[in-house]
Amino acid sequence: MTKSRIFIPELDGLRFIAFLLIFIHHSSVQHIFLFDQIKTAGWLGVEIFFCLSAFLLTRLLRYEIQQLGNIDFFKFFVRRILRIWPLYLTYVILAILFSYYEHVITEENWYRALGLLTFTDDIFAAVKGFNPILFTGHLWTISYEEQFYLLLPFLIPWLVRLKFKNRIYFFVGAFIIGSLVRGISIYFDFKDPFIWIFPITHFESILVGIVIGFYEHEFMKINKNVIIAILLLSITGIMFLPETNVIAYHLLIVYPIAGIFSGSVLCYVLHADTVFAKKLLSDKFVAFAGKISFGLYVFHIVCMRLVDYVMGISNPVLNLFISLLLILIVASLSYFILEKRFLLLKERYMKIPSRV
């Protein structure tokens, strides 16, 4: 498989779109027509990130098996470490030190710092709530993905060896088991954010990404208009159902629809023959912003809170634009000063050239 086939530039732009949804979701702007609807559904940016990561890594590992006969586990994990750990751990350590200085870390919650440092914060957050350490409440997703990365290189070779029918049985079985666990969680009234954060109860977008990673060519044969219709129907369904922080049986429908939404967005972009893909997602600025999207995600909360602290909250729209500008600057500096040197080192451990 050639480098051009592995690398899909439009997906960098999609990362930026996913970040913007999360950014708007976490903003303080409200009571503006259409903006409120985007803000409400902004959590779908997380779903796009999950689906995209699962797709790209599944695709890459599958190609590695096809071309080289196996997966180099050591190099896979080194690549993940070099991509995630330098920025993440730098940010987390600074957040912990600042929180300790501000007396936020106490004898009762010190273990939350341990959760951040060991990539288990999602488990703690599912039971105890979002991390109280300053500016880290959103980082449960990093723990979630790191646990996924730990499983994937063992799962994909096993799935590759399965016959088509048995592989489909696995995907259907995984969906049924995850849905049952979610249903049990609802029945016993597990409090928010357990279902949102716990991996077994929030899995659809990851599962859909893996499926598309296996059957990309089959999904590419689906008519683009059908994909658009599915995308619009899924987002409409989500908008009319209660939000994910309402613990009720509608969650048995909301999360599968979110998985369908993220998968349809991915398939739409993979067609890469639309003005949206060619012009917007391939734009140099948008593509670069997608390239630094990890930094955008990590830094966005602290930058937003800093702008609100300095400027007050009397003009949230202005704060929103200044926050976005600040986040872009900070993430760019992080990329060129810190991340890039590790990304260059990461290339030494690539079996097949790629961006993931």
Protein backbone atom coordinates (compact mmCIF):
# COMPACT_ATOMS: atom_id res chain seq x y z
CA MET A 1 0.00 0.00 0.00
CA THR A 2 1.49 3.33 -0.99
CA LYS A 3 1.92 6.29 1.26
CA SER A 4 -0.66 8.27 -0.70
CA ARG A 5 -3.19 5.50 -0.13
CA ILE A 6 -2.52 5.39 3.61
CA PHE A 7 -2.61 9.15 4.12
CA ILE A 8 -5.98 10.86 3.56
CA PRO A 9 -5.39 14.63 3.94
CA GLU A 10 -9.10 15.45 4.34
CA LEU A 11 -9.13 13.58 7.64
CA ASP A 12 -6.85 16.23 9.17
CA GLY A 13 -9.55 18.77 8.35
CA LEU A 14 -12.17 16.50 9.89
CA ARG A 15 -10.16 16.47 13.13
CA PHE A 16 -10.40 20.24 13.27
CA ILE A 17 -14.16 20.13 12.68
CA ALA A 18 -14.46 17.61 15.52
CA PHE A 19 -12.46 19.89 17.78
CA LEU A 20 -14.64 22.90 16.91
CA LEU A 21 -17.74 20.95 17.94
CA ILE A 22 -16.17 20.16 21.32
CA PHE A 23 -14.93 23.74 21.69
CA ILE A 24 -18.40 25.16 21.08
CA HIS A 25 -19.94 22.54 23.38
CA HIS A 26 -17.71 23.73 26.24
CA SER A 27 -18.23 27.43 25.56
CA SER A 28 -20.37 29.78 27.65
CA VAL A 29 -22.16 31.28 24.62
CA GLN A 30 -25.89 30.60 24.56
CA HIS A 31 -29.25 31.93 23.38
CA ILE A 32 -28.06 32.44 19.80
CA PHE A 33 -30.11 30.84 17.03
CA LEU A 34 -28.46 27.72 15.55
CA PHE A 35 -25.43 28.18 17.81
CA ASP A 36 -27.41 26.70 20.71
CA GLN A 37 -28.22 23.64 18.60
CA ILE A 38 -24.56 23.17 17.68
CA LYS A 39 -23.57 23.64 21.33
CA THR A 40 -26.07 21.02 22.47
CA ALA A 41 -24.83 18.47 19.93
CA GLY A 42 -21.16 19.43 20.31
CA TRP A 43 -20.40 16.25 22.24
CA LEU A 44 -20.55 14.50 18.87
CA GLY A 45 -17.07 15.89 18.24
CA VAL A 46 -15.81 13.28 20.73
CA GLU A 47 -17.64 10.59 18.75
CA ILE A 48 -15.93 11.71 15.54
CA PHE A 49 -12.52 11.59 17.22
CA PHE A 50 -13.21 8.08 18.56
CA CYS A 51 -14.47 6.79 15.22
CA LEU A 52 -11.60 8.38 13.29
CA SER A 53 -8.91 6.98 15.60
CA ALA A 54 -10.42 3.49 15.47
CA PHE A 55 -10.69 3.61 11.69
CA LEU A 56 -7.16 4.86 11.04
CA LEU A 57 -5.45 2.48 13.45
CA THR A 58 -7.50 -0.53 12.34
CA ARG A 59 -6.74 0.29 8.71
CA LEU A 60 -3.04 0.76 9.39
CA LEU A 61 -2.67 -2.45 11.40
CA ARG A 62 -4.62 -4.41 8.81
CA TYR A 63 -2.31 -3.14 6.06
CA GLU A 64 0.70 -3.97 8.22
CA ILE A 65 -0.49 -7.56 8.54
CA GLN A 66 -1.26 -7.81 4.81
CA GLN A 67 2.11 -6.44 3.70
CA LEU A 68 4.47 -7.65 6.42
CA GLY A 69 2.68 -10.69 7.78
CA ASN A 70 2.47 -9.48 11.39
CA ILE A 71 2.30 -6.49 13.72
CA ASP A 72 5.40 -5.19 15.44
CA PHE A 73 3.90 -4.66 18.90
CA PHE A 74 6.93 -2.85 20.27
CA LYS A 75 6.98 -0.30 17.47
CA PHE A 76 3.22 0.17 17.65
CA PHE A 77 3.33 1.05 21.35
CA VAL A 78 6.41 3.26 20.92
CA ARG A 79 4.57 5.22 18.21
CA ARG A 80 1.58 5.72 20.49
CA ILE A 81 3.81 6.81 23.38
CA LEU A 82 5.72 9.32 21.25
CA ARG A 83 2.47 10.74 19.87
CA ILE A 84 0.55 11.10 23.15
CA TRP A 85 2.77 11.10 26.20
CA PRO A 86 5.10 14.13 25.74
CA LEU A 87 2.32 16.73 25.48
CA TYR A 88 -0.16 14.93 27.70
CA LEU A 89 2.20 14.28 30.61
CA THR A 90 3.70 17.77 30.41
CA TYR A 91 0.23 19.29 30.61
CA VAL A 92 -0.95 16.93 33.36
CA ILE A 93 2.11 17.50 35.55
CA LEU A 94 1.71 21.28 35.24
CA ALA A 95 -2.01 21.00 36.06
CA ILE A 96 -1.25 18.86 39.12
CA LEU A 97 1.41 21.28 40.38
CA PHE A 98 -0.89 24.27 39.88
CA SER A 99 -3.79 22.48 41.59
CA TYR A 100 -1.54 21.55 44.51
CA TYR A 101 -0.47 25.19 44.80
CA GLU A 102 -4.13 26.23 44.78
CA HIS A 103 -4.92 23.58 47.45
CA VAL A 104 -7.30 21.79 45.10
CA ILE A 105 -5.55 18.45 45.63
CA THR A 106 -6.42 17.09 49.05
CA GLU A 107 -6.03 13.87 51.02
CA GLU A 108 -9.46 12.85 49.73
CA ASN A 109 -8.80 13.30 46.00
CA TRP A 110 -5.04 12.80 45.53
CA TYR A 111 -5.73 9.53 43.73
CA ARG A 112 -7.20 11.53 40.84
CA ALA A 113 -3.67 12.73 40.05
CA LEU A 114 -2.60 9.09 39.97
CA GLY A 115 -5.48 8.36 37.57
CA LEU A 116 -4.26 11.03 35.18
CA LEU A 117 -0.67 9.80 35.31
CA THR A 118 -1.60 6.14 34.78
CA PHE A 119 -4.26 6.70 32.09
CA THR A 120 -7.02 5.33 34.30
CA ASP A 121 -8.81 8.63 34.89
CA ASP A 122 -11.83 7.49 32.87
CA ILE A 123 -12.46 4.66 35.34
CA PHE A 124 -12.24 7.01 38.33
CA ALA A 125 -14.34 9.63 36.54
CA ALA A 126 -17.06 7.11 35.69
CA VAL A 127 -17.52 6.37 39.40
CA LYS A 128 -16.50 9.63 41.11
CA GLY A 129 -17.28 12.28 38.47
CA PHE A 130 -15.08 14.45 36.32
CA ASN A 131 -11.58 15.11 37.62
CA PRO A 132 -11.49 18.00 40.14
CA ILE A 133 -7.83 18.76 39.33
CA LEU A 134 -7.93 22.09 37.53
CA PHE A 135 -8.31 22.05 33.73
CA THR A 136 -8.27 18.23 33.45
CA GLY A 137 -11.95 17.26 33.41
CA HIS A 138 -11.86 16.61 29.66
CA LEU A 139 -8.80 14.34 29.74
CA TRP A 140 -10.79 11.19 30.52
CA THR A 141 -10.95 10.72 26.75
CA ILE A 142 -7.16 10.31 26.62
CA SER A 143 -7.30 7.50 29.18
CA TYR A 144 -10.17 5.96 27.20
CA GLU A 145 -8.17 6.00 23.97
CA GLU A 146 -4.96 4.76 25.61
CA GLN A 147 -6.85 1.72 26.89
CA PHE A 148 -8.21 1.22 23.38
CA TYR A 149 -4.68 1.43 21.94
CA LEU A 150 -3.58 -1.23 24.43
CA LEU A 151 -6.23 -3.64 23.16
CA LEU A 152 -6.23 -2.94 19.42
CA PRO A 153 -2.94 -4.56 18.24
CA PHE A 154 -4.07 -7.83 19.84
CA LEU A 155 -7.65 -7.59 18.58
CA ILE A 156 -6.97 -6.77 14.92
CA PRO A 157 -4.77 -9.82 14.08
CA TRP A 158 -7.38 -12.05 15.69
CA LEU A 159 -10.16 -10.41 13.66
CA VAL A 160 -8.11 -10.68 10.45
CA ARG A 161 -7.83 -14.44 10.93
CA LEU A 162 -11.58 -14.86 11.41
CA LYS A 163 -13.85 -15.80 8.54
CA PHE A 164 -16.19 -13.06 7.37
CA LYS A 165 -19.23 -14.61 9.06
CA ASN A 166 -17.46 -15.05 12.39
CA ARG A 167 -16.14 -11.49 12.27
CA ILE A 168 -19.68 -10.18 11.79
CA TYR A 169 -20.80 -12.34 14.72
CA PHE A 170 -18.08 -10.70 16.83
CA PHE A 171 -19.16 -7.17 15.90
CA VAL A 172 -22.83 -7.94 16.57
CA GLY A 173 -21.96 -9.72 19.82
CA ALA A 174 -19.84 -6.79 21.02
CA PHE A 175 -22.73 -4.42 20.30
CA ILE A 176 -25.23 -6.64 22.17
CA ILE A 177 -22.97 -7.08 25.22
CA GLY A 178 -22.18 -3.35 25.41
CA SER A 179 -25.87 -2.48 25.08
CA LEU A 180 -26.79 -4.98 27.81
CA VAL A 181 -24.22 -3.47 30.17
CA ARG A 182 -25.60 -0.02 29.41
CA GLY A 183 -29.15 -1.23 29.98
CA ILE A 184 -28.17 -2.75 33.34
CA SER A 185 -26.46 0.53 34.28
CA ILE A 186 -29.66 2.42 33.50
CA TYR A 187 -31.80 -0.09 35.41
CA PHE A 188 -29.68 0.29 38.53
CA ASP A 189 -29.67 4.08 38.07
CA PHE A 190 -25.90 4.54 37.76
CA LYS A 191 -25.30 8.26 38.03
CA ASP A 192 -23.99 10.49 35.26
CA PRO A 193 -21.28 10.48 33.90
CA PHE A 194 -20.81 6.69 34.33
CA ILE A 195 -22.42 5.66 31.04
CA TRP A 196 -20.80 8.54 29.13
CA ILE A 197 -17.29 7.74 30.34
CA PHE A 198 -17.09 3.99 31.04
CA PRO A 199 -15.66 2.28 27.91
CA ILE A 200 -18.04 -0.70 27.89
CA THR A 201 -21.12 1.55 28.00
CA HIS A 202 -19.88 4.10 25.44
CA PHE A 203 -18.39 2.10 22.60
CA GLU A 204 -20.37 2.52 19.37
CA SER A 205 -18.17 5.07 17.60
CA ILE A 206 -15.06 3.00 18.33
CA LEU A 207 -16.81 -0.15 17.07
CA VAL A 208 -18.06 1.61 13.92
CA GLY A 209 -14.55 2.91 13.22
CA ILE A 210 -13.14 -0.61 13.46
CA VAL A 211 -15.84 -1.96 11.14
CA ILE A 212 -15.18 0.74 8.53
CA GLY A 213 -11.45 0.07 8.90
CA PHE A 214 -12.09 -3.54 7.88
CA TYR A 215 -14.65 -2.90 5.15
CA GLU A 216 -13.60 0.48 3.79
CA HIS A 217 -14.03 -0.52 0.15
CA GLU A 218 -17.53 -1.85 0.78
CA PHE A 219 -18.54 1.36 2.57
CA MET A 220 -17.09 3.41 -0.28
CA LYS A 221 -19.56 1.73 -2.65
CA ILE A 222 -22.50 3.24 -0.76
CA ASN A 223 -24.07 6.07 -2.72
CA LYS A 224 -23.01 9.47 -1.38
CA ASN A 225 -26.61 10.68 -1.23
CA VAL A 226 -27.53 7.71 0.94
CA ILE A 227 -24.68 8.61 3.31
CA ILE A 228 -25.91 12.22 3.47
CA ALA A 229 -29.45 11.02 4.23
CA ILE A 230 -28.19 8.75 7.03
CA LEU A 231 -26.09 11.60 8.43
CA LEU A 232 -29.03 14.01 8.47
CA LEU A 233 -31.41 11.45 9.97
CA SER A 234 -28.95 10.55 12.72
CA ILE A 235 -28.27 14.16 13.74
CA THR A 236 -32.02 14.87 13.68
CA GLY A 237 -32.65 11.89 15.93
CA ILE A 238 -30.01 13.02 18.40
CA MET A 239 -31.38 16.57 18.49
CA PHE A 240 -34.88 15.35 19.35
CA LEU A 241 -33.83 12.86 22.03
CA PRO A 242 -32.85 13.87 25.59
CA GLU A 243 -29.16 14.56 26.22
CA THR A 244 -26.66 11.95 27.40
CA ASN A 245 -26.57 13.31 30.95
CA VAL A 246 -30.20 12.26 31.40
CA ILE A 247 -30.01 8.66 32.61
CA ALA A 248 -32.91 6.83 31.00
CA TYR A 249 -33.54 4.11 28.43
CA HIS A 250 -33.29 6.56 25.54
CA LEU A 251 -29.50 6.08 25.93
CA LEU A 252 -29.93 2.64 24.38
CA ILE A 253 -30.82 4.54 21.20
CA VAL A 254 -28.75 7.72 21.49
CA TYR A 255 -25.33 6.07 21.52
CA PRO A 256 -25.98 3.77 18.54
CA ILE A 257 -27.27 6.79 16.62
CA ALA A 258 -24.09 8.67 17.61
CA GLY A 259 -22.05 5.78 16.23
CA ILE A 260 -24.03 5.89 13.00
CA PHE A 261 -23.52 9.65 12.83
CA SER A 262 -19.74 9.47 13.30
CA GLY A 263 -19.48 6.61 10.81
CA SER A 264 -21.55 8.45 8.19
CA VAL A 265 -19.43 11.61 8.62
CA LEU A 266 -16.29 9.52 8.13
CA CYS A 267 -17.70 7.76 5.05
CA TYR A 268 -18.80 11.09 3.58
CA VAL A 269 -15.30 12.51 3.92
CA LEU A 270 -13.71 9.32 2.58
CA HIS A 271 -15.57 9.81 -0.69
CA ALA A 272 -13.38 12.93 -1.06
CA ASP A 273 -15.20 14.03 -4.21
CA THR A 274 -17.28 16.83 -2.71
CA VAL A 275 -16.66 20.55 -2.48
CA PHE A 276 -16.71 20.17 1.32
CA ALA A 277 -13.85 17.64 1.25
CA LYS A 278 -11.83 19.19 -1.55
CA LYS A 279 -12.12 22.83 -0.61
CA LEU A 280 -12.79 23.13 3.13
CA LEU A 281 -11.15 20.06 4.66
CA SER A 282 -8.14 20.29 2.34
CA ASP A 283 -7.61 24.00 3.00
CA LYS A 284 -4.07 24.60 4.28
CA PHE A 285 -5.17 26.34 7.46
CA VAL A 286 -7.88 23.77 8.26
CA ALA A 287 -5.50 20.88 7.53
CA PHE A 288 -2.81 22.40 9.77
CA ALA A 289 -5.35 23.00 12.54
CA GLY A 290 -6.31 19.33 12.25
CA LYS A 291 -2.65 18.39 12.42
CA ILE A 292 -2.35 20.12 15.81
CA SER A 293 -5.80 19.00 16.97
CA PHE A 294 -4.37 16.99 19.87
CA GLY A 295 -2.87 20.18 21.29
CA LEU A 296 -6.09 22.08 20.55
CA TYR A 297 -8.04 19.53 22.55
CA VAL A 298 -5.62 19.34 25.47
CA PHE A 299 -5.26 23.12 25.89
CA HIS A 300 -8.77 24.34 25.06
CA ILE A 301 -10.23 24.29 28.58
CA VAL A 302 -7.39 26.18 30.25
CA CYS A 303 -7.30 28.76 27.43
CA MET A 304 -11.06 29.34 27.64
CA ARG A 305 -10.95 29.73 31.42
CA LEU A 306 -8.00 32.11 31.18
CA VAL A 307 -9.79 34.36 28.68
CA ASP A 308 -12.95 34.38 30.83
CA TYR A 309 -10.85 35.24 33.90
CA VAL A 310 -9.02 38.13 32.19
CA MET A 311 -11.94 39.57 30.22
CA GLY A 312 -14.89 38.66 32.42
CA ILE A 313 -17.99 36.99 31.01
CA SER A 314 -19.98 40.03 29.90
CA ASN A 315 -19.28 39.35 26.22
CA PRO A 316 -19.10 35.56 25.75
CA VAL A 317 -19.08 35.79 21.94
CA LEU A 318 -15.95 37.95 21.95
CA ASN A 319 -14.40 35.63 24.54
CA LEU A 320 -15.14 32.70 22.25
CA PHE A 321 -13.19 34.16 19.34
CA ILE A 322 -10.29 35.30 21.51
CA SER A 323 -10.20 31.86 23.15
CA LEU A 324 -10.04 30.13 19.78
CA LEU A 325 -7.20 32.40 18.68
CA LEU A 326 -5.31 31.75 21.92
CA ILE A 327 -5.84 27.99 21.65
CA LEU A 328 -4.51 27.97 18.08
CA ILE A 329 -1.42 29.93 19.16
CA VAL A 330 -0.72 27.74 22.20
CA ALA A 331 -1.28 24.49 20.30
CA SER A 332 0.97 25.68 17.46
CA LEU A 333 3.75 26.54 19.91
CA SER A 334 3.29 23.18 21.58
CA TYR A 335 3.52 21.44 18.21
CA PHE A 336 6.70 23.17 17.04
CA ILE A 337 8.50 23.38 20.40
CA LEU A 338 7.53 20.09 22.03
CA GLU A 339 5.57 17.62 19.91
CA LYS A 340 7.34 17.84 16.56
CA ARG A 341 10.67 16.48 17.79
CA PHE A 342 8.92 13.40 19.17
CA LEU A 343 6.87 13.01 15.99
CA LEU A 344 10.09 13.01 13.96
CA LEU A 345 11.45 10.33 16.28
CA LYS A 346 8.18 8.42 15.87
CA GLU A 347 8.86 8.05 12.13
CA ARG A 348 11.75 5.71 12.93
CA TYR A 349 9.28 3.22 14.31
CA MET A 350 6.85 3.27 11.40
CA LYS A 351 6.39 0.04 9.50
CA ILE A 352 4.14 1.79 6.97
CA PRO A 353 4.24 5.59 6.48
CA SER A 354 1.21 7.25 8.03
CA ARG A 355 0.07 10.20 10.16
CA VAL A 356 -1.29 8.06 13.03
